[in-house]
Amino acid sequence: MDSEMTGLGISHPTDGSNELSNSADVEGFGGIGVQDEDLAFIDSIENILDLNEDEYPVFTLAKNKARFLRMLTWYKNKETWLDVAPISGVSKLFKQQSKELEGIRANKLDYEMELETGTLTPSQRSYRRDELKMCKVQEKMAVHLIAKMQVKIKSGRR
C-alpha cells in the first residue's frame, strides 16, 4: 500500500484504516479532496524539523521540494542560532517572523479559498495544492521558531 500512497503524494505511513481514493473528484479535507491527505498529515505534525527525510511532504513541483529543503535548513539553522543569540537579535528576528507569519496565513487562506471554489483546472488545482502545502509547512516552522524565541526572550529578561 505504501507504493500506492507514494503515487498519491503521501509520504507517511498509515495503518491502512484510511483507504484513499485515486479520484480527484472525491471531496474531503477542507473541500480539497481525500487524494491529498498530506495536508492533514502536516496539520498533525508537532515539529516539522523533527521529521525524517522519508516523512517530508511530497510536492508536485520539483522547485517546491527544493524550496522546502532550503526553508527547512534555514529554520534548523535559526533554531541552532537561538542557543547562542543575543536577546536583541532574537527580538529582531521575533518581530520579523511574527510579521512574516501574518503573510503566510493570508496566503494560506487565499489558496484554501481558491481550492474550495471548484473552478480550477487540474493543473491549477495541483499548483494551488502544492502552494497550500508549502504555506502550511512554513506556518508550522514559523510558529515553532516564534515559540522558542518567546521562551528565550522571557528567560533573558529576568
Protein backbone atom coordinates (compact mmCIF):
# COMPACT_ATOMS: atom_id res chain seq x y z
CA MET A 1 0.00 0.00 0.00
CA ASP A 2 2.94 2.38 0.64
CA SER A 3 3.88 2.41 -3.04
CA GLU A 4 0.28 3.25 -3.93
CA MET A 5 0.29 6.07 -1.42
CA THR A 6 3.56 7.50 -2.73
CA GLY A 7 1.89 7.85 -6.12
CA LEU A 8 -0.86 9.84 -4.44
CA GLY A 9 1.62 12.31 -2.96
CA ILE A 10 1.64 10.82 0.53
CA SER A 11 4.99 10.14 2.12
CA HIS A 12 3.99 8.99 5.56
CA PRO A 13 2.94 5.56 6.82
CA THR A 14 -0.66 4.82 7.70
CA ASP A 15 -2.29 1.95 9.48
CA GLY A 16 -4.45 1.08 6.46
CA SER A 17 -7.62 2.21 8.19
CA ASN A 18 -7.86 5.24 5.94
CA GLU A 19 -8.27 3.87 2.42
CA LEU A 20 -7.63 6.54 -0.17
CA SER A 21 -9.32 7.13 -3.47
CA ASN A 22 -7.30 7.96 -6.54
CA SER A 23 -10.12 10.15 -7.80
CA ALA A 24 -9.55 13.89 -7.65
CA ASP A 25 -13.34 14.32 -7.55
CA VAL A 26 -13.71 12.82 -4.07
CA GLU A 27 -14.12 15.67 -1.65
CA GLY A 28 -12.83 15.50 1.89
CA PHE A 29 -10.36 17.52 3.91
CA GLY A 30 -11.45 21.15 3.62
CA GLY A 31 -13.02 20.57 0.20
CA ILE A 32 -9.60 19.89 -1.25
CA GLY A 33 -10.06 16.14 -1.75
CA VAL A 34 -9.09 13.00 0.05
CA GLN A 35 -6.36 12.46 -2.53
CA ASP A 36 -4.15 14.94 -0.69
CA GLU A 37 -4.05 13.58 2.81
CA ASP A 38 -0.57 15.12 3.08
CA LEU A 39 -2.31 18.35 4.15
CA ALA A 40 -3.93 16.57 7.10
CA PHE A 41 -0.60 14.92 7.92
CA ILE A 42 1.12 18.32 8.02
CA ASP A 43 -1.53 19.55 10.47
CA SER A 44 -0.84 16.59 12.76
CA ILE A 45 2.92 17.23 12.99
CA GLU A 46 4.16 18.93 16.13
CA ASN A 47 7.59 19.96 14.77
CA ILE A 48 8.42 19.55 11.08
CA LEU A 49 12.11 19.93 11.87
CA ASP A 50 11.99 16.55 13.66
CA LEU A 51 10.76 14.63 10.59
CA ASN A 52 12.94 12.06 8.86
CA GLU A 53 13.61 12.69 5.18
CA ASP A 54 11.23 9.90 4.13
CA GLU A 55 8.43 11.64 6.08
CA TYR A 56 8.77 15.00 4.33
CA PRO A 57 5.68 16.25 2.49
CA VAL A 58 5.62 15.35 -1.19
CA PHE A 59 5.42 18.25 -3.62
CA THR A 60 4.27 18.01 -7.23
CA LEU A 61 6.75 20.58 -8.42
CA ALA A 62 10.49 19.99 -8.02
CA LYS A 63 11.02 23.70 -7.32
CA ASN A 64 8.76 23.40 -4.27
CA LYS A 65 10.71 20.41 -2.97
CA ALA A 66 13.90 22.47 -3.30
CA ARG A 67 12.17 25.46 -1.67
CA PHE A 68 11.02 23.23 1.19
CA LEU A 69 14.54 21.88 1.77
CA ARG A 70 16.02 25.42 1.78
CA MET A 71 13.33 26.54 4.20
CA LEU A 72 13.94 23.53 6.44
CA THR A 73 17.67 24.28 6.53
CA TRP A 74 17.04 27.95 7.32
CA TYR A 75 14.73 27.13 10.25
CA LYS A 76 17.11 24.47 11.60
CA ASN A 77 19.99 26.96 11.46
CA LYS A 78 17.92 29.63 13.23
CA GLU A 79 16.94 27.14 15.93
CA THR A 80 20.64 26.34 16.48
CA TRP A 81 21.50 30.04 16.44
CA LEU A 82 18.94 30.69 19.21
CA ASP A 83 21.16 28.86 21.70
CA VAL A 84 23.91 31.49 21.37
CA ALA A 85 22.00 34.51 20.07
CA PRO A 86 21.86 37.82 21.94
CA ILE A 87 18.42 38.89 23.15
CA SER A 88 18.48 41.90 20.80
CA GLY A 89 18.97 39.63 17.78
CA VAL A 90 16.26 37.27 18.96
CA SER A 91 13.86 40.18 19.48
CA LYS A 92 14.55 41.47 15.97
CA LEU A 93 14.01 38.03 14.42
CA PHE A 94 10.87 37.58 16.54
CA LYS A 95 9.36 40.75 15.05
CA GLN A 96 10.30 39.74 11.51
CA GLN A 97 8.90 36.22 11.90
CA SER A 98 5.69 37.45 13.51
CA LYS A 99 5.11 39.81 10.60
CA GLU A 100 6.00 37.11 8.06
CA LEU A 101 3.59 34.71 9.78
CA GLU A 102 0.72 37.11 9.05
CA GLY A 103 1.58 36.99 5.34
CA ILE A 104 1.90 33.21 5.35
CA ARG A 105 -1.52 32.85 6.94
CA ALA A 106 -3.09 35.26 4.46
CA ASN A 107 -1.63 33.32 1.53
CA LYS A 108 -2.77 30.04 3.06
CA LEU A 109 -6.31 31.34 3.36
CA ASP A 110 -6.24 32.53 -0.27
CA TYR A 111 -5.13 29.10 -1.51
CA GLU A 112 -7.75 27.33 0.62
CA MET A 113 -10.49 29.55 -0.76
CA GLU A 114 -9.33 29.08 -4.36
CA LEU A 115 -9.29 25.31 -3.94
CA GLU A 116 -12.80 25.33 -2.47
CA THR A 117 -14.29 27.17 -5.44
CA GLY A 118 -14.02 24.12 -7.69
CA THR A 119 -13.45 26.28 -10.78
CA LEU A 120 -9.76 25.46 -11.23
CA THR A 121 -8.33 23.23 -13.92
CA PRO A 122 -6.50 20.09 -12.72
CA SER A 123 -3.10 21.72 -13.24
CA GLN A 124 -4.21 24.85 -11.35
CA ARG A 125 -5.53 22.67 -8.51
CA SER A 126 -2.23 20.81 -8.35
CA TYR A 127 -0.25 24.05 -8.24
CA ARG A 128 -2.52 25.61 -5.57
CA ARG A 129 -2.41 22.40 -3.51
CA ASP A 130 1.40 22.48 -3.61
CA GLU A 131 1.41 26.14 -2.58
CA LEU A 132 -1.07 25.43 0.22
CA LYS A 133 1.17 22.62 1.46
CA MET A 134 4.14 24.99 1.36
CA CYS A 135 2.21 27.62 3.36
CA LYS A 136 1.16 25.07 5.97
CA VAL A 137 4.73 23.79 6.35
CA GLN A 138 6.15 27.30 6.60
CA GLU A 139 3.48 28.31 9.10
CA LYS A 140 4.29 25.29 11.29
CA MET A 141 8.01 26.02 11.25
CA ALA A 142 7.49 29.74 11.89
CA VAL A 143 5.14 29.11 14.83
CA HIS A 144 7.62 26.65 16.33
CA LEU A 145 10.51 29.12 15.96
CA ILE A 146 8.44 32.01 17.36
CA ALA A 147 7.52 29.91 20.41
CA LYS A 148 11.20 29.12 21.03
CA MET A 149 12.09 32.80 20.64
CA GLN A 150 9.40 33.79 23.14
CA VAL A 151 10.91 31.42 25.71
CA LYS A 152 14.40 32.79 25.02
CA ILE A 153 13.23 36.42 25.29
CA LYS A 154 11.34 35.76 28.53
CA SER A 155 14.22 33.87 30.12
CA GLY A 156 16.73 36.54 29.06
CA ARG A 157 14.82 39.43 30.59
CA ARG A 158 14.54 38.04 34.08
